[in-house]
Amino acid sequence: MDRSDSSTAEEELYIILKDALTSENKQIIDCYDKVFLRNLLNSSRENSMHMNISHEGRYIFKGYPSGNYIKQLAKVVALWSQIGTFPISFVNLTGFDTEITRKEIENLSTLSSLVVDLVSRLNDPAVPSLAENLLLRMGPRGVLTCLGVRRTQGSIDKCLPPSKSFLERAFSQLHTAEESKKSSLTVGARALTKHCHRSSDGFWGKISGTEVMKNAVAQQVLDRFFTNCVWINIHCLPNEEPVIEVRVQEGYGVRWLINKQQFRGFLEPQMEGGHERGWRH
């Protein structure tokens, strides 16, 4: 399949998958639940589009997905049909459990014959039922895997990654809402000011100067995570709401509380005795 054929297949798959997700099929609604489906379909209204799929000798997930998640799903399915197995790899991170995600990919790869059959019959009258069958077999966790979201102990299977703009808004909220303080420092910049000293290798850089300058440095750090992250996980902290955690290959990360739309802070790589050492590297 050449590039033009691949693009055409992606476009057709996008329409077919979107139609299947809006078909009011009770099995799909029960499998995915209405909130997950609504958020997935709402993503198709996003104006910007960035797929977190990078080709570096092999296809890997790199960066934060944004825009139309159904288009990314169609892209993955098209690649899947060409390669004959789940086409995109997750980068390993030292100290992090990747076994559950690996097994998830193995499970998805058992659906390869369904994927190949679907893509080879895009003009077949049976294609709507083929697409619905694939979506049911994949389930919401399969869709998350196609977006580059990991599965670990405690991961949530029916929560899509919030949009990048959603996370940026939470990061850029003012640290204080009290007008009397007249501060323009964002919660992200405030957190970075308190956290940056923990890394001896200078990963976080230096943050100084005016509040405007600190805000700019913090935004640059956040942009690096969105561009280079290789770990996205949505899970629950003990006794708390869903959290999205985003990390780069070195293990450094950021996280947000999803329901409260709240930036939760920066994260150091996993290390033995981390709590006792204050997560200083």
Protein backbone atom coordinates (compact mmCIF):
# COMPACT_ATOMS: atom_id res chain seq x y z
CA MET A 1 0.00 0.00 0.00
CA ASP A 2 1.62 3.30 -1.08
CA ARG A 3 1.33 6.57 0.82
CA SER A 4 -1.70 7.83 -1.13
CA ASP A 5 -3.53 4.53 -0.64
CA SER A 6 -2.67 4.64 3.06
CA SER A 7 -4.03 8.19 3.41
CA THR A 8 -7.23 7.19 1.63
CA ALA A 9 -7.63 4.17 3.90
CA GLU A 10 -7.16 6.37 6.97
CA GLU A 11 -9.80 8.82 5.76
CA GLU A 12 -12.28 6.05 5.04
CA LEU A 13 -11.52 4.32 8.34
CA TYR A 14 -12.09 7.59 10.18
CA ILE A 15 -15.58 7.93 8.73
CA ILE A 16 -16.38 4.25 9.33
CA LEU A 17 -15.14 4.24 12.94
CA LYS A 18 -16.87 7.52 13.76
CA ASP A 19 -20.14 6.19 12.31
CA ALA A 20 -19.78 3.03 14.40
CA LEU A 21 -19.19 5.08 17.55
CA THR A 22 -22.32 7.16 16.87
CA SER A 23 -24.48 4.22 15.80
CA GLU A 24 -26.41 3.97 19.10
CA ASN A 25 -25.38 0.31 19.18
CA LYS A 26 -26.34 -0.76 22.71
CA GLN A 27 -23.39 -3.14 22.94
CA ILE A 28 -20.95 -0.34 22.16
CA ILE A 29 -22.65 2.04 24.60
CA ASP A 30 -22.50 -0.58 27.35
CA CYS A 31 -18.90 -1.46 26.53
CA TYR A 32 -17.56 2.10 26.42
CA ASP A 33 -20.18 3.99 28.50
CA LYS A 34 -21.79 7.24 27.44
CA VAL A 35 -19.26 9.62 29.01
CA PHE A 36 -16.29 7.95 27.33
CA LEU A 37 -18.09 7.94 23.97
CA ARG A 38 -19.16 11.57 24.34
CA ASN A 39 -15.62 12.70 25.12
CA LEU A 40 -14.21 10.63 22.28
CA LEU A 41 -16.67 12.14 19.81
CA ASN A 42 -16.15 15.65 21.20
CA SER A 43 -12.44 15.32 20.42
CA SER A 44 -13.37 15.18 16.72
CA ARG A 45 -14.39 18.85 16.98
CA GLU A 46 -10.87 19.96 17.91
CA ASN A 47 -9.32 22.30 15.33
CA SER A 48 -5.71 21.26 15.93
CA MET A 49 -4.35 17.77 15.36
CA HIS A 50 -1.15 16.21 16.67
CA MET A 51 -0.65 12.46 16.64
CA ASN A 52 1.91 11.17 19.13
CA ILE A 53 3.26 8.60 16.67
CA SER A 54 6.93 8.88 15.75
CA HIS A 55 8.91 6.77 13.28
CA GLU A 56 12.45 6.27 14.57
CA GLY A 57 13.42 3.03 12.87
CA ARG A 58 10.15 1.69 14.26
CA TYR A 59 6.88 3.31 15.21
CA ILE A 60 6.83 4.50 18.82
CA PHE A 61 4.51 6.61 20.93
CA LYS A 62 6.20 9.95 21.61
CA GLY A 63 4.57 13.20 22.63
CA TYR A 64 1.12 14.02 23.94
CA PRO A 65 -1.86 13.26 21.67
CA SER A 66 -4.07 16.21 20.91
CA GLY A 67 -6.97 16.98 18.65
CA ASN A 68 -9.11 14.34 17.03
CA TYR A 69 -8.60 11.04 18.86
CA ILE A 70 -10.74 9.12 16.35
CA LYS A 71 -8.37 10.19 13.55
CA GLN A 72 -5.46 8.78 15.53
CA LEU A 73 -7.41 5.57 16.05
CA ALA A 74 -7.94 5.35 12.27
CA LYS A 75 -4.21 5.96 11.69
CA VAL A 76 -3.24 3.16 14.05
CA VAL A 77 -5.73 0.73 12.49
CA ALA A 78 -4.42 1.56 9.00
CA LEU A 79 -0.80 0.93 10.08
CA TRP A 80 -1.94 -2.19 11.91
CA SER A 81 -3.42 -3.63 8.72
CA GLN A 82 -0.16 -2.98 6.83
CA ILE A 83 2.18 -4.46 9.43
CA GLY A 84 -0.07 -7.35 10.47
CA THR A 85 0.34 -6.83 14.20
CA PHE A 86 -0.15 -3.94 16.61
CA PRO A 87 2.15 -1.40 14.94
CA ILE A 88 3.40 0.96 17.63
CA SER A 89 5.77 0.30 20.52
CA PHE A 90 5.97 1.86 23.96
CA VAL A 91 9.41 3.00 25.12
CA ASN A 92 10.66 1.26 28.26
CA LEU A 93 11.42 3.39 31.32
CA THR A 94 13.84 2.23 33.99
CA GLY A 95 12.07 1.54 37.26
CA PHE A 96 8.57 1.54 35.76
CA ASP A 97 6.30 -1.46 35.28
CA THR A 98 5.71 -2.07 31.57
CA GLU A 99 4.57 -5.70 31.80
CA ILE A 100 0.82 -4.98 31.90
CA THR A 101 1.08 -2.69 28.87
CA ARG A 102 3.08 -5.35 27.01
CA LYS A 103 0.35 -7.90 27.68
CA GLU A 104 -2.27 -5.42 26.49
CA ILE A 105 -0.44 -5.10 23.17
CA GLU A 106 -0.23 -8.88 22.91
CA ASN A 107 -4.00 -9.09 23.45
CA LEU A 108 -4.65 -6.46 20.79
CA SER A 109 -2.39 -8.27 18.34
CA THR A 110 -4.75 -11.27 18.48
CA LEU A 111 -7.25 -9.02 16.67
CA SER A 112 -4.94 -8.51 13.69
CA SER A 113 -6.98 -10.74 11.37
CA LEU A 114 -10.08 -8.64 12.14
CA VAL A 115 -8.15 -5.46 11.37
CA VAL A 116 -6.80 -6.78 8.07
CA ASP A 117 -10.27 -8.01 7.10
CA LEU A 118 -11.85 -4.64 7.90
CA VAL A 119 -9.32 -2.61 5.93
CA SER A 120 -9.47 -4.96 2.94
CA ARG A 121 -13.26 -4.59 2.75
CA LEU A 122 -13.77 -0.84 3.20
CA ASN A 123 -16.33 -0.73 0.39
CA ASP A 124 -18.15 -3.86 1.51
CA PRO A 125 -21.76 -3.47 2.78
CA ALA A 126 -20.70 -5.48 5.84
CA VAL A 127 -18.08 -2.92 6.89
CA PRO A 128 -20.25 -1.22 9.59
CA SER A 129 -20.69 -4.49 11.46
CA LEU A 130 -16.98 -5.31 11.01
CA ALA A 131 -16.04 -1.94 12.52
CA GLU A 132 -18.46 -2.37 15.43
CA ASN A 133 -17.08 -5.85 16.09
CA LEU A 134 -13.50 -4.53 16.16
CA LEU A 135 -14.44 -1.70 18.54
CA LEU A 136 -16.21 -4.15 20.85
CA ARG A 137 -13.22 -6.49 20.86
CA MET A 138 -10.81 -3.62 21.53
CA GLY A 139 -12.91 -1.94 24.21
CA PRO A 140 -12.04 1.43 25.73
CA ARG A 141 -8.68 0.15 26.93
CA GLY A 142 -7.76 -0.74 23.35
CA VAL A 143 -8.63 2.79 22.24
CA LEU A 144 -6.46 4.21 25.04
CA THR A 145 -3.58 2.00 23.93
CA CYS A 146 -3.95 3.40 20.40
CA LEU A 147 -3.54 6.88 21.92
CA GLY A 148 -0.32 5.89 23.67
CA VAL A 149 -1.80 5.56 27.17
CA ARG A 150 -0.16 2.91 29.36
CA ARG A 151 -1.84 0.34 31.54
CA THR A 152 -0.40 -0.31 34.99
CA GLN A 153 -1.71 -1.49 38.34
CA GLY A 154 -4.44 1.00 39.26
CA SER A 155 -4.94 2.38 35.75
CA ILE A 156 -8.44 3.52 34.77
CA ASP A 157 -9.85 1.99 31.60
CA LYS A 158 -12.70 4.40 30.84
CA CYS A 159 -11.08 7.82 31.04
CA LEU A 160 -9.64 9.56 27.98
CA PRO A 161 -6.58 11.79 28.28
CA PRO A 162 -7.75 15.40 28.65
CA SER A 163 -6.95 17.74 25.78
CA LYS A 164 -3.62 19.54 25.83
CA SER A 165 -5.43 22.88 26.12
CA PHE A 166 -7.27 21.55 29.21
CA LEU A 167 -3.94 20.70 30.87
CA GLU A 168 -2.36 24.00 29.85
CA ARG A 169 -5.23 25.98 31.38
CA ALA A 170 -4.84 24.16 34.69
CA PHE A 171 -1.07 24.72 34.61
CA SER A 172 -1.49 28.43 33.83
CA GLN A 173 -4.02 29.32 36.51
CA LEU A 174 -2.87 32.05 38.87
CA HIS A 175 -1.22 30.77 42.01
CA THR A 176 -3.36 33.12 44.08
CA ALA A 177 -6.78 34.50 43.26
CA GLU A 178 -6.54 37.21 45.91
CA GLU A 179 -6.53 40.52 44.08
CA SER A 180 -4.80 42.25 46.98
CA LYS A 181 -1.62 40.26 46.28
CA LYS A 182 -1.57 41.30 42.61
CA SER A 183 0.56 38.30 41.67
CA SER A 184 0.77 37.00 38.10
CA LEU A 185 2.66 33.82 39.06
CA THR A 186 1.02 30.68 37.68
CA VAL A 187 0.58 27.48 39.66
CA GLY A 188 3.00 25.79 37.25
CA ALA A 189 5.70 28.40 37.78
CA ARG A 190 5.17 28.35 41.54
CA ALA A 191 5.54 24.56 41.60
CA LEU A 192 8.68 24.67 39.44
CA THR A 193 10.25 27.31 41.70
CA LYS A 194 9.84 24.95 44.66
CA HIS A 195 10.84 21.79 42.77
CA CYS A 196 13.69 22.59 40.37
CA HIS A 197 16.48 22.17 42.96
CA ARG A 198 15.78 18.44 43.30
CA SER A 199 17.57 17.40 40.12
CA SER A 200 21.37 17.43 40.30
CA ASP A 201 21.66 16.92 36.53
CA GLY A 202 19.90 20.21 35.84
CA PHE A 203 16.91 18.67 34.11
CA TRP A 204 14.53 21.36 35.35
CA GLY A 205 16.87 24.23 34.54
CA LYS A 206 16.97 27.46 36.54
CA ILE A 207 13.99 29.64 37.27
CA SER A 208 14.54 33.22 38.38
CA GLY A 209 13.68 36.80 37.52
CA THR A 210 10.27 38.43 37.40
CA GLU A 211 7.03 36.51 37.67
CA VAL A 212 6.52 36.91 33.93
CA MET A 213 9.96 35.38 33.30
CA LYS A 214 9.24 32.50 35.69
CA ASN A 215 5.93 31.83 33.96
CA ALA A 216 7.71 31.70 30.60
CA VAL A 217 10.32 29.22 31.86
CA ALA A 218 7.61 27.01 33.36
CA GLN A 219 5.69 27.02 30.07
CA GLN A 220 8.86 25.98 28.22
CA VAL A 221 9.28 23.05 30.62
CA LEU A 222 5.66 22.01 30.07
CA ASP A 223 6.10 22.23 26.30
CA ARG A 224 9.09 19.86 26.55
CA PHE A 225 6.88 17.29 28.26
CA PHE A 226 4.16 17.59 25.63
CA THR A 227 6.72 17.17 22.83
CA ASN A 228 8.92 14.43 24.30
CA CYS A 229 6.80 12.38 26.71
CA VAL A 230 6.86 8.60 26.27
CA TRP A 231 4.76 7.71 29.32
CA ILE A 232 1.09 8.63 29.78
CA ASN A 233 -0.93 6.91 32.48
CA ILE A 234 -4.36 7.64 33.93
CA HIS A 235 -4.83 6.15 37.37
CA CYS A 236 -6.20 6.86 40.82
CA LEU A 237 -4.13 7.91 43.79
CA PRO A 238 -5.28 6.38 47.09
CA ASN A 239 -8.61 7.94 48.14
CA GLU A 240 -8.46 10.46 45.31
CA GLU A 241 -9.86 11.17 41.88
CA PRO A 242 -8.31 10.22 38.53
CA VAL A 243 -4.82 11.54 37.87
CA ILE A 244 -3.04 11.83 34.55
CA GLU A 245 0.71 11.36 34.75
CA VAL A 246 3.03 12.31 31.89
CA ARG A 247 6.75 11.44 31.85
CA VAL A 248 9.71 11.76 29.50
CA GLN A 249 12.23 8.96 28.89
CA GLU A 250 14.51 10.15 31.70
CA GLY A 251 11.64 9.47 34.12
CA TYR A 252 10.80 13.07 35.05
CA GLY A 253 7.13 13.89 34.97
CA VAL A 254 4.12 16.10 35.57
CA ARG A 255 0.62 15.26 36.73
CA TRP A 256 -2.86 16.71 37.03
CA LEU A 257 -6.08 15.90 38.89
CA ILE A 258 -8.58 15.46 36.07
CA ASN A 259 -11.98 16.13 37.66
CA LYS A 260 -10.75 19.12 39.66
CA GLN A 261 -8.82 20.45 36.63
CA GLN A 262 -5.88 21.00 38.94
CA PHE A 263 -2.14 20.86 38.26
CA ARG A 264 -0.72 18.48 40.84
CA GLY A 265 3.02 19.10 40.44
CA PHE A 266 6.28 17.81 39.02
CA LEU A 267 7.68 14.32 39.46
CA GLU A 268 11.17 12.89 39.81
CA PRO A 269 12.28 9.57 38.29
CA GLN A 270 11.68 6.46 40.35
CA MET A 271 14.54 5.82 42.77
CA GLU A 272 15.26 3.59 45.72
CA GLY A 273 14.60 5.43 48.99
CA GLY A 274 13.04 8.34 47.13
CA HIS A 275 10.74 9.47 49.94
CA GLU A 276 13.54 9.40 52.51
CA ARG A 277 15.82 11.43 50.23
CA GLY A 278 13.13 13.96 49.33
CA TRP A 279 13.31 12.80 45.71
CA ARG A 280 16.61 14.59 45.23
CA HIS A 281 18.73 13.17 42.43
